[in-house]
Amino acid sequence: MTDHRPIPARSEPVKVPLGKRPLGVFGSLAAGRRNILELIPEIATHAPILSGRTGKRWHMVMDPDALRHILRENVTNYPKSVVTKLILEPAIGDSLFVAEGQEWLWQRRTAAPVFSHRNVAALAPVMSAAADRACARIAAGAGRAVNCYDEMVTATFEVISDVTFSDGEGFDRASVHRAIEDYMAQTARVSLLDIIGAPAWVPRPGRLMSGAAMRQMKRVADGSIQRRRAEGNPGVPDLLDLLMAGEDPKSGRKMTTPELRDNLLTFIVAGHETTALTLSWALYLCAFDPAVQAAARAEAQAALGTRAATAADIAALPLIRRIVDETLRLYPPAAFLSRTAQAADTLCGREVLPGDTIILPIYALHRHHALWDRPDSFDPDRFTATKPVERYAYLPFGDGPRVCIGANFALQEAVIILATLLARFRFDLVPGKAPKPVMILTLRPEGGVWLNVTPA
């Protein structure tokens, strides 16, 4: 692949320093609590599979055919890992994201129509309005450094709040973020008991002493659902209405208040933070490569003029969509997944035993030298239609039956907001303020994404 764009002063955007030597139990614990991606050895970006033992047997899989087997062909053998459930269940219960088997299936069938193409397209005006408000806030601070991560969190929270509770009966953004930060600080980090493979019933002390803010979020959500049941919603149907009206087409089962609450919290927390992360990293990458940013700005201005982007504009914004795709390759929010094998199997010629941990290091997969040309470089043109990407080499939303239910919603929102911002502003790096990619539950820019912003 030939790239004629000028090379920035720094040839590659920021990345995680992957391990060069075995960590052992306590080294793995320290890395997992500091930045879980540091558990990935650098060799994972060259090998199809790695196996080992750190308390429990594990297999780290980067081979597309093996990933297809895990995520689609033999998906029932690879449910979410014990550690994943221990971390997530206190926050979002047995919701769609955590549930398995028939419990997952009926919830998926019930929620799928909520995220149909028609419903997602109907929500685009909410996204356009949030993009306009973000521009107004940024314009007020233009000419100085702006923490674009904070701005994108505000924008995407407005979107998810408005589409979930159109009557205004929602969550306070500050309280949601206190809950998320508290949860990640105390509950979402890997425990020594996780590393050595202690059974799920053994209490993890850090998780017993946290979660007050998350419990308060659950109380607020329960109150909102109960009010909606009693009073209804005279306005436009929102996500809560659609979920309340939804029923499993096979059994006719509807969600109870706790089931509605756990799924709403999943959509609210995951649905705004992951898109905020994508937008923040995309703005950093555009600032990193001014030539790409200039081309994207020209595309956005030609399509939009001075207005906010809409769903109807997305077809006229192919470069901006490619920037979003490349951002999700370099900085996938869900960059490290794990499963627990239920029965014996074989992956890439390796024996898998019941109880083995199967690690899907999406971060390493997306930077694998056998699958990507210049894998650590920022190159949106690798996603052109003439260069098809191998399906299981690129998994920002997972795949198979459990592919992210909100993927189309997230992509539409990201393109609308990014195009609107790039049409109106120029973003430049702040010397000495490069973001640091750190993953606990999601791949975040530690310290924020600070960029100089000026009107375009």
Protein backbone atom coordinates (compact mmCIF):
# COMPACT_ATOMS: atom_id res chain seq x y z
CA MET A 1 0.00 0.00 0.00
CA THR A 2 1.42 3.39 -1.00
CA ASP A 3 0.73 6.43 1.15
CA HIS A 4 1.57 9.83 -0.33
CA ARG A 5 0.44 11.86 2.65
CA PRO A 6 3.10 13.82 4.55
CA ILE A 7 4.37 11.93 7.60
CA PRO A 8 3.79 13.77 10.90
CA ALA A 9 6.77 14.63 13.09
CA ARG A 10 5.88 11.59 15.19
CA SER A 11 5.38 8.71 12.77
CA GLU A 12 2.88 6.76 14.87
CA PRO A 13 0.13 7.80 17.29
CA VAL A 14 0.35 6.83 20.95
CA LYS A 15 0.10 3.15 21.82
CA VAL A 16 0.34 0.80 24.78
CA PRO A 17 3.83 -0.55 25.52
CA LEU A 18 3.20 -4.31 25.33
CA GLY A 19 5.15 -6.72 27.50
CA LYS A 20 8.50 -8.15 26.45
CA ARG A 21 8.96 -10.71 29.25
CA PRO A 22 6.79 -13.06 31.37
CA LEU A 23 5.04 -11.24 34.24
CA GLY A 24 4.27 -14.04 36.70
CA VAL A 25 1.36 -13.94 39.15
CA PHE A 26 2.19 -10.72 40.99
CA GLY A 27 3.44 -8.96 37.86
CA SER A 28 0.20 -9.89 36.13
CA LEU A 29 -1.79 -8.56 39.09
CA ALA A 30 0.09 -5.23 39.02
CA ALA A 31 -0.32 -4.90 35.25
CA GLY A 32 -4.00 -5.87 35.36
CA ARG A 33 -4.76 -3.23 37.98
CA ARG A 34 -2.68 -0.56 36.24
CA ASN A 35 -3.65 -1.19 32.59
CA ILE A 36 -5.03 -4.56 31.60
CA LEU A 37 -3.59 -4.25 28.08
CA GLU A 38 -0.13 -4.58 29.61
CA LEU A 39 -0.98 -8.25 30.12
CA ILE A 40 -0.66 -8.66 26.34
CA PRO A 41 2.89 -9.66 25.32
CA GLU A 42 4.33 -7.96 22.27
CA ILE A 43 4.67 -11.34 20.56
CA ALA A 44 0.84 -11.47 20.44
CA THR A 45 0.98 -9.04 17.51
CA HIS A 46 2.93 -11.67 15.52
CA ALA A 47 1.57 -15.07 16.72
CA PRO A 48 -1.82 -16.72 16.00
CA ILE A 49 -2.21 -18.08 19.56
CA LEU A 50 -0.34 -18.04 22.86
CA SER A 51 -0.97 -20.33 25.80
CA GLY A 52 0.22 -20.33 29.37
CA ARG A 53 -0.66 -20.57 33.03
CA THR A 54 -0.90 -17.81 35.61
CA GLY A 55 -2.86 -19.63 38.26
CA LYS A 56 -5.33 -20.75 35.53
CA ARG A 57 -4.61 -22.12 32.07
CA TRP A 58 -5.17 -19.47 29.41
CA HIS A 59 -5.06 -19.14 25.63
CA MET A 60 -4.68 -15.76 23.92
CA VAL A 61 -6.21 -15.99 20.42
CA MET A 62 -5.36 -13.69 17.48
CA ASP A 63 -6.16 -16.02 14.56
CA PRO A 64 -9.25 -14.93 12.54
CA ASP A 65 -10.42 -18.50 11.86
CA ALA A 66 -10.17 -19.40 15.55
CA LEU A 67 -11.99 -16.19 16.49
CA ARG A 68 -14.79 -17.09 14.07
CA HIS A 69 -15.01 -20.48 15.78
CA ILE A 70 -15.22 -18.90 19.24
CA LEU A 71 -17.66 -16.10 18.41
CA ARG A 72 -19.93 -17.78 15.87
CA GLU A 73 -19.44 -21.48 15.15
CA ASN A 74 -19.08 -22.74 18.75
CA VAL A 75 -20.32 -19.71 20.66
CA THR A 76 -22.19 -21.71 23.32
CA ASN A 77 -18.91 -23.27 24.45
CA TYR A 78 -17.38 -19.86 25.15
CA PRO A 79 -19.57 -17.74 27.44
CA LYS A 80 -18.19 -14.61 29.05
CA SER A 81 -15.50 -15.45 31.55
CA VAL A 82 -16.04 -15.81 35.28
CA VAL A 83 -13.92 -12.70 35.88
CA THR A 84 -15.99 -10.64 33.43
CA LYS A 85 -19.20 -11.62 35.21
CA LEU A 86 -17.71 -10.94 38.65
CA ILE A 87 -16.78 -7.44 37.51
CA LEU A 88 -19.97 -6.54 35.63
CA GLU A 89 -22.86 -8.24 37.42
CA PRO A 90 -22.79 -5.94 40.51
CA ALA A 91 -23.33 -2.98 38.15
CA ILE A 92 -25.65 -4.25 35.43
CA GLY A 93 -27.06 -7.48 36.87
CA ASP A 94 -28.08 -10.26 34.51
CA SER A 95 -28.69 -7.86 31.63
CA LEU A 96 -28.26 -8.51 27.93
CA PHE A 97 -24.52 -7.86 28.15
CA VAL A 98 -23.89 -10.46 30.88
CA ALA A 99 -26.67 -13.05 30.54
CA GLU A 100 -26.06 -16.41 28.87
CA GLY A 101 -28.12 -19.11 27.17
CA GLN A 102 -31.90 -18.80 27.13
CA GLU A 103 -31.81 -15.86 29.56
CA TRP A 104 -29.71 -13.94 27.04
CA LEU A 105 -31.68 -15.14 24.02
CA TRP A 106 -35.10 -13.90 25.11
CA GLN A 107 -33.67 -10.49 26.11
CA ARG A 108 -31.90 -10.18 22.76
CA ARG A 109 -35.07 -11.02 20.85
CA THR A 110 -36.99 -8.46 22.92
CA ALA A 111 -34.44 -5.65 22.54
CA ALA A 112 -33.42 -6.19 18.90
CA PRO A 113 -36.37 -4.23 17.39
CA VAL A 114 -35.43 -1.24 19.57
CA PHE A 115 -32.19 -0.91 17.57
CA SER A 116 -33.68 -1.51 14.13
CA HIS A 117 -32.40 0.65 11.28
CA ARG A 118 -35.66 2.62 11.28
CA ASN A 119 -35.54 3.37 15.00
CA VAL A 120 -31.85 4.30 14.93
CA ALA A 121 -32.35 6.65 11.97
CA ALA A 122 -35.29 8.28 13.79
CA LEU A 123 -32.93 9.16 16.67
CA ALA A 124 -30.51 11.08 14.43
CA PRO A 125 -32.05 14.52 15.20
CA VAL A 126 -31.11 14.03 18.86
CA MET A 127 -27.52 13.38 17.77
CA SER A 128 -27.49 16.44 15.48
CA ALA A 129 -28.78 18.65 18.30
CA ALA A 130 -26.11 17.34 20.68
CA ALA A 131 -23.46 18.04 18.02
CA ASP A 132 -24.69 21.64 17.73
CA ARG A 133 -24.54 22.10 21.51
CA ALA A 134 -21.02 20.63 21.62
CA CYS A 135 -19.93 23.12 18.97
CA ALA A 136 -21.40 25.99 21.01
CA ARG A 137 -19.50 24.89 24.13
CA ILE A 138 -16.24 24.41 22.23
CA ALA A 139 -16.64 27.76 20.45
CA ALA A 140 -16.86 29.47 23.84
CA GLY A 141 -13.38 28.15 24.65
CA ALA A 142 -11.88 28.30 21.17
CA GLY A 143 -8.34 29.64 20.96
CA ARG A 144 -7.14 27.62 23.92
CA ALA A 145 -6.58 24.00 24.88
CA VAL A 146 -9.77 22.01 25.40
CA ASN A 147 -10.17 18.61 27.02
CA CYS A 148 -12.04 17.02 24.14
CA TYR A 149 -12.70 13.85 26.13
CA ASP A 150 -14.80 15.79 28.64
CA GLU A 151 -16.65 17.53 25.81
CA MET A 152 -17.41 14.26 24.05
CA VAL A 153 -18.62 12.64 27.27
CA THR A 154 -21.02 15.56 27.71
CA ALA A 155 -22.26 15.30 24.11
CA THR A 156 -22.82 11.55 24.10
CA PHE A 157 -24.43 11.61 27.53
CA GLU A 158 -26.92 14.18 26.23
CA VAL A 159 -27.73 11.82 23.36
CA ILE A 160 -28.23 8.71 25.47
CA SER A 161 -30.16 10.65 28.11
CA ASP A 162 -32.51 12.21 25.55
CA VAL A 163 -33.17 8.96 23.68
CA THR A 164 -33.68 7.02 26.92
CA PHE A 165 -35.79 9.50 28.90
CA SER A 166 -37.38 11.93 26.43
CA ASP A 167 -39.55 13.36 29.22
CA GLY A 168 -36.49 14.68 31.05
CA GLU A 169 -36.79 12.15 33.89
CA GLY A 170 -33.23 10.91 33.62
CA PHE A 171 -29.86 10.85 35.30
CA ASP A 172 -27.62 13.70 36.28
CA ARG A 173 -24.43 13.42 34.19
CA ALA A 174 -22.16 14.22 37.13
CA SER A 175 -23.74 11.49 39.26
CA VAL A 176 -23.42 8.95 36.46
CA HIS A 177 -19.74 9.71 36.07
CA ARG A 178 -19.11 9.59 39.80
CA ALA A 179 -20.72 6.16 39.78
CA ILE A 180 -18.64 4.95 36.82
CA GLU A 181 -15.37 6.31 38.20
CA ASP A 182 -16.05 4.89 41.66
CA TYR A 183 -16.94 1.54 40.17
CA MET A 184 -13.82 1.38 38.01
CA ALA A 185 -11.55 2.51 40.82
CA GLN A 186 -12.73 -0.10 43.30
CA THR A 187 -14.63 -2.86 41.56
CA ALA A 188 -13.61 -3.15 37.91
CA ARG A 189 -9.93 -3.85 38.50
CA VAL A 190 -8.48 -7.35 38.40
CA SER A 191 -8.11 -9.05 41.79
CA LEU A 192 -5.36 -11.46 42.84
CA LEU A 193 -8.15 -14.01 43.35
CA ASP A 194 -9.10 -13.55 39.68
CA ILE A 195 -5.50 -14.10 38.56
CA ILE A 196 -5.04 -17.33 40.51
CA GLY A 197 -8.42 -18.65 39.40
CA ALA A 198 -10.30 -18.68 42.71
CA PRO A 199 -13.93 -19.84 42.35
CA ALA A 200 -16.61 -17.21 41.80
CA TRP A 201 -18.10 -17.79 45.27
CA VAL A 202 -14.90 -16.63 47.00
CA PRO A 203 -15.52 -12.94 47.97
CA ARG A 204 -13.29 -10.31 46.36
CA PRO A 205 -12.80 -7.78 49.22
CA GLY A 206 -12.45 -4.69 47.00
CA ARG A 207 -15.80 -5.45 45.35
CA LEU A 208 -17.59 -5.96 48.65
CA MET A 209 -16.76 -2.43 49.83
CA SER A 210 -17.75 -0.45 46.75
CA GLY A 211 -20.71 0.33 44.57
CA ALA A 212 -22.73 2.84 46.65
CA ALA A 213 -22.96 5.26 43.72
CA MET A 214 -24.03 2.45 41.38
CA ARG A 215 -26.72 1.36 43.83
CA GLN A 216 -28.01 4.93 43.85
CA MET A 217 -28.15 4.86 40.04
CA LYS A 218 -30.25 1.71 40.25
CA ARG A 219 -32.66 3.40 42.66
CA VAL A 220 -33.03 6.39 40.31
CA ALA A 221 -33.65 4.07 37.35
CA ASP A 222 -36.24 2.04 39.28
CA GLY A 223 -38.07 5.24 40.20
CA SER A 224 -38.09 6.45 36.58
CA ILE A 225 -39.46 3.12 35.33
CA GLN A 226 -42.16 3.02 37.98
CA ARG A 227 -43.23 6.59 37.16
CA ARG A 228 -43.37 5.77 33.47
CA ARG A 229 -45.53 2.70 34.17
CA ALA A 230 -47.90 4.82 36.24
CA GLU A 231 -48.00 8.03 34.20
CA GLY A 232 -46.99 7.02 30.67
CA ASN A 233 -45.13 9.29 28.24
CA PRO A 234 -47.20 11.82 26.29
CA GLY A 235 -44.27 12.69 24.02
CA VAL A 236 -42.33 10.82 21.34
CA PRO A 237 -41.66 7.17 22.31
CA ASP A 238 -38.16 6.78 23.68
CA LEU A 239 -35.85 3.88 24.49
CA LEU A 240 -37.63 3.19 27.78
CA ASP A 241 -41.03 3.09 26.03
CA LEU A 242 -39.71 0.73 23.36
CA LEU A 243 -38.19 -1.62 25.93
CA MET A 244 -41.33 -1.56 28.07
CA ALA A 245 -43.48 -2.36 25.03
CA GLY A 246 -41.11 -5.03 23.74
CA GLU A 247 -41.80 -8.70 24.21
CA ASP A 248 -40.05 -11.89 23.24
CA PRO A 249 -41.75 -12.94 19.96
CA LYS A 250 -41.34 -16.61 20.91
CA SER A 251 -42.65 -16.62 24.50
CA GLY A 252 -44.45 -13.28 24.85
CA ARG A 253 -42.33 -12.56 27.94
CA LYS A 254 -41.82 -8.89 28.86
CA MET A 255 -39.10 -7.31 30.97
CA THR A 256 -39.74 -6.77 34.67
CA THR A 257 -38.69 -3.52 36.37
CA PRO A 258 -35.30 -4.98 37.49
CA GLU A 259 -34.67 -6.37 33.98
CA LEU A 260 -35.60 -3.04 32.38
CA ARG A 261 -33.37 -1.22 34.85
CA ASP A 262 -30.32 -3.42 34.31
CA ASN A 263 -30.62 -3.14 30.53
CA LEU A 264 -31.19 0.62 30.67
CA LEU A 265 -28.08 1.02 32.82
CA THR A 266 -26.14 -1.09 30.32
CA PHE A 267 -27.27 1.12 27.43
CA ILE A 268 -26.70 4.35 29.37
CA VAL A 269 -23.23 3.54 30.68
CA ALA A 270 -21.91 1.63 27.66
CA GLY A 271 -23.89 3.59 25.09
CA HIS A 272 -22.42 6.95 25.89
CA GLU A 273 -18.93 6.21 27.17
CA THR A 274 -17.82 3.99 24.30
CA THR A 275 -18.91 6.55 21.68
CA ALA A 276 -17.31 9.37 23.67
CA LEU A 277 -14.07 7.40 23.66
CA THR A 278 -14.27 6.80 19.91
CA LEU A 279 -14.86 10.50 19.24
CA SER A 280 -12.07 11.59 21.61
CA TRP A 281 -9.52 9.27 20.01
CA ALA A 282 -10.74 10.29 16.53
CA LEU A 283 -10.14 13.98 17.30
CA TYR A 284 -6.68 13.12 18.65
CA LEU A 285 -5.87 11.20 15.45
CA CYS A 286 -7.12 14.06 13.27
CA ALA A 287 -4.89 16.46 15.20
CA PHE A 288 -2.03 13.97 14.86
CA ASP A 289 -2.39 13.93 11.06
CA PRO A 290 -3.29 17.45 9.82
CA ALA A 291 -3.50 16.27 6.18
CA VAL A 292 -6.24 13.76 6.99
CA GLN A 293 -7.99 16.37 9.11
CA ALA A 294 -7.92 18.92 6.28
CA ALA A 295 -9.39 16.41 3.81
CA ALA A 296 -12.10 15.43 6.29
CA ARG A 297 -12.92 19.09 6.94
CA ALA A 298 -13.29 19.76 3.22
CA GLU A 299 -15.61 16.75 2.92
CA ALA A 300 -17.72 17.86 5.90
CA GLN A 301 -17.96 21.49 4.78
CA ALA A 302 -18.99 20.46 1.27
CA ALA A 303 -21.77 18.26 2.62
CA LEU A 304 -22.94 20.39 5.55
CA GLY A 305 -22.06 24.02 5.06
CA THR A 306 -22.69 25.52 8.50
CA ARG A 307 -25.38 23.12 9.75
CA ALA A 308 -25.06 19.98 11.85
CA ALA A 309 -24.82 16.60 10.14
CA THR A 310 -27.89 14.39 9.86
CA ALA A 311 -28.44 10.73 9.07
CA ALA A 312 -29.09 11.68 5.45
CA ASP A 313 -25.57 13.15 5.18
CA ILE A 314 -23.70 9.99 6.20
CA ALA A 315 -23.47 8.64 2.64
CA ALA A 316 -21.69 11.88 1.63
CA LEU A 317 -19.12 11.52 4.44
CA PRO A 318 -17.10 8.40 3.49
CA LEU A 319 -13.73 9.71 4.72
CA ILE A 320 -15.18 10.64 8.10
CA ARG A 321 -16.69 7.15 8.36
CA ARG A 322 -13.26 5.68 7.52
CA ILE A 323 -11.68 7.82 10.25
CA VAL A 324 -14.18 6.36 12.72
CA ASP A 325 -13.39 2.83 11.52
CA GLU A 326 -9.64 3.39 11.80
CA THR A 327 -10.07 4.91 15.26
CA LEU A 328 -11.95 1.79 16.34
CA ARG A 329 -9.08 -0.29 14.97
CA LEU A 330 -6.34 1.59 16.83
CA TYR A 331 -8.29 2.29 20.04
CA PRO A 332 -11.19 -0.17 20.34
CA PRO A 333 -13.17 0.65 23.52
CA ALA A 334 -13.62 -3.07 24.23
CA ALA A 335 -9.96 -3.92 23.67
CA PHE A 336 -9.63 -7.04 25.85
CA LEU A 337 -12.31 -9.74 26.06
CA SER A 338 -12.28 -13.09 27.83
CA ARG A 339 -14.32 -16.28 27.75
CA THR A 340 -14.35 -19.49 29.81
CA ALA A 341 -14.35 -22.77 27.89
CA GLN A 342 -17.15 -25.13 28.92
CA ALA A 343 -16.01 -28.26 27.08
CA ALA A 344 -12.85 -29.59 25.50
CA ASP A 345 -11.98 -28.07 22.13
CA THR A 346 -9.06 -27.31 19.85
CA LEU A 347 -7.92 -23.84 18.79
CA CYS A 348 -5.06 -23.43 16.30
CA GLY A 349 -3.94 -26.96 17.14
CA ARG A 350 -3.86 -26.28 20.89
CA GLU A 351 -5.86 -28.40 23.31
CA VAL A 352 -8.48 -26.42 25.22
CA LEU A 353 -9.80 -27.92 28.46
CA PRO A 354 -13.02 -27.12 30.32
CA GLY A 355 -12.42 -24.13 32.59
CA ASP A 356 -9.59 -22.67 30.49
CA THR A 357 -9.68 -18.90 30.04
CA ILE A 358 -9.82 -17.80 26.39
CA ILE A 359 -8.52 -14.26 25.90
CA LEU A 360 -9.52 -12.24 22.84
CA PRO A 361 -7.01 -9.35 22.83
CA ILE A 362 -8.78 -7.11 20.31
CA TYR A 363 -6.07 -4.47 20.76
CA ALA A 364 -3.40 -6.95 19.59
CA LEU A 365 -5.63 -8.35 16.84
CA HIS A 366 -6.12 -4.86 15.39
CA ARG A 367 -2.34 -4.30 15.38
CA HIS A 368 -1.30 -7.75 14.20
CA HIS A 369 1.57 -7.65 11.70
CA ALA A 370 0.25 -10.61 9.67
CA LEU A 371 -3.17 -8.99 9.24
CA TRP A 372 -2.46 -5.28 8.79
CA ASP A 373 0.02 -3.22 6.77
CA ARG A 374 1.88 -0.79 9.09
CA PRO A 375 -0.42 -1.83 11.93
CA ASP A 376 0.52 0.95 14.36
CA SER A 377 0.06 3.72 11.77
CA PHE A 378 -3.04 5.89 11.32
CA ASP A 379 -4.37 5.25 7.81
CA PRO A 380 -8.13 5.64 7.25
CA ASP A 381 -7.69 4.65 3.59
CA ARG A 382 -7.16 1.03 4.62
CA PHE A 383 -10.97 0.92 4.92
CA THR A 384 -11.78 1.86 1.33
CA ALA A 385 -14.16 -0.42 -0.56
CA THR A 386 -11.35 -1.58 -2.86
CA LYS A 387 -9.43 -2.95 0.14
CA PRO A 388 -11.80 -5.29 1.96
CA VAL A 389 -10.81 -6.02 5.55
CA GLU A 390 -10.84 -9.64 6.70
CA ARG A 391 -13.96 -9.92 8.84
CA TYR A 392 -12.41 -11.54 11.90
CA ALA A 393 -9.31 -9.36 11.80
CA TYR A 394 -11.45 -6.37 12.82
CA LEU A 395 -13.81 -6.80 15.77
CA PRO A 396 -14.57 -3.46 17.45
CA PHE A 397 -18.12 -4.63 18.18
CA GLY A 398 -17.49 -8.36 18.48
CA ASP A 399 -19.31 -10.70 16.11
CA GLY A 400 -21.67 -13.62 15.90
CA PRO A 401 -24.98 -13.79 17.77
CA ARG A 402 -23.60 -11.52 20.51
CA VAL A 403 -22.37 -8.74 18.23
CA CYS A 404 -22.98 -5.37 19.95
CA ILE A 405 -26.68 -4.57 19.65
CA GLY A 406 -25.98 -0.83 19.54
CA ALA A 407 -23.25 -0.85 16.87
CA ASN A 408 -25.30 1.00 14.23
CA PHE A 409 -26.46 3.54 16.80
CA ALA A 410 -22.85 4.20 17.86
CA LEU A 411 -21.52 4.51 14.31
CA GLN A 412 -24.29 6.88 13.25
CA GLU A 413 -23.73 9.04 16.33
CA ALA A 414 -19.95 9.12 15.88
CA VAL A 415 -20.11 10.18 12.21
CA ILE A 416 -22.74 12.88 12.86
CA ILE A 417 -20.85 14.46 15.75
CA LEU A 418 -17.36 14.14 14.23
CA ALA A 419 -18.41 15.62 10.89
CA THR A 420 -20.13 18.56 12.59
CA LEU A 421 -17.05 19.31 14.70
CA LEU A 422 -14.55 19.02 11.85
CA ALA A 423 -16.62 21.30 9.62
CA ARG A 424 -16.40 24.09 12.19
CA PHE A 425 -13.09 23.72 14.02
CA ARG A 426 -9.45 22.88 13.58
CA PHE A 427 -7.88 20.62 16.20
CA ASP A 428 -4.13 20.68 16.93
CA LEU A 429 -1.96 18.70 19.33
CA VAL A 430 -0.85 20.34 22.56
CA PRO A 431 2.91 19.79 23.02
CA GLY A 432 3.64 17.52 25.96
CA LYS A 433 -0.03 16.52 26.44
CA ALA A 434 -0.28 13.29 24.45
CA PRO A 435 -3.07 11.06 25.79
CA LYS A 436 -2.06 7.74 27.35
CA PRO A 437 -4.18 4.69 26.38
CA VAL A 438 -5.14 2.87 29.57
CA MET A 439 -7.74 0.13 29.81
CA ILE A 440 -9.61 -0.95 32.90
CA LEU A 441 -13.07 -1.75 31.52
CA THR A 442 -12.72 0.42 28.41
CA LEU A 443 -9.73 1.90 26.58
CA ARG A 444 -9.54 5.43 27.95
CA PRO A 445 -7.18 8.38 27.37
CA GLU A 446 -5.62 8.83 30.79
CA GLY A 447 -5.50 12.53 31.61
CA GLY A 448 -7.95 13.40 28.82
CA VAL A 449 -7.47 14.45 25.20
CA TRP A 450 -6.17 18.01 25.27
CA LEU A 451 -6.20 19.76 21.89
CA ASN A 452 -5.85 23.35 20.76
CA VAL A 453 -9.10 24.36 19.06
CA THR A 454 -9.56 27.22 16.58
CA PRO A 455 -12.45 28.08 14.25
CA ALA A 456 -12.08 26.48 10.82
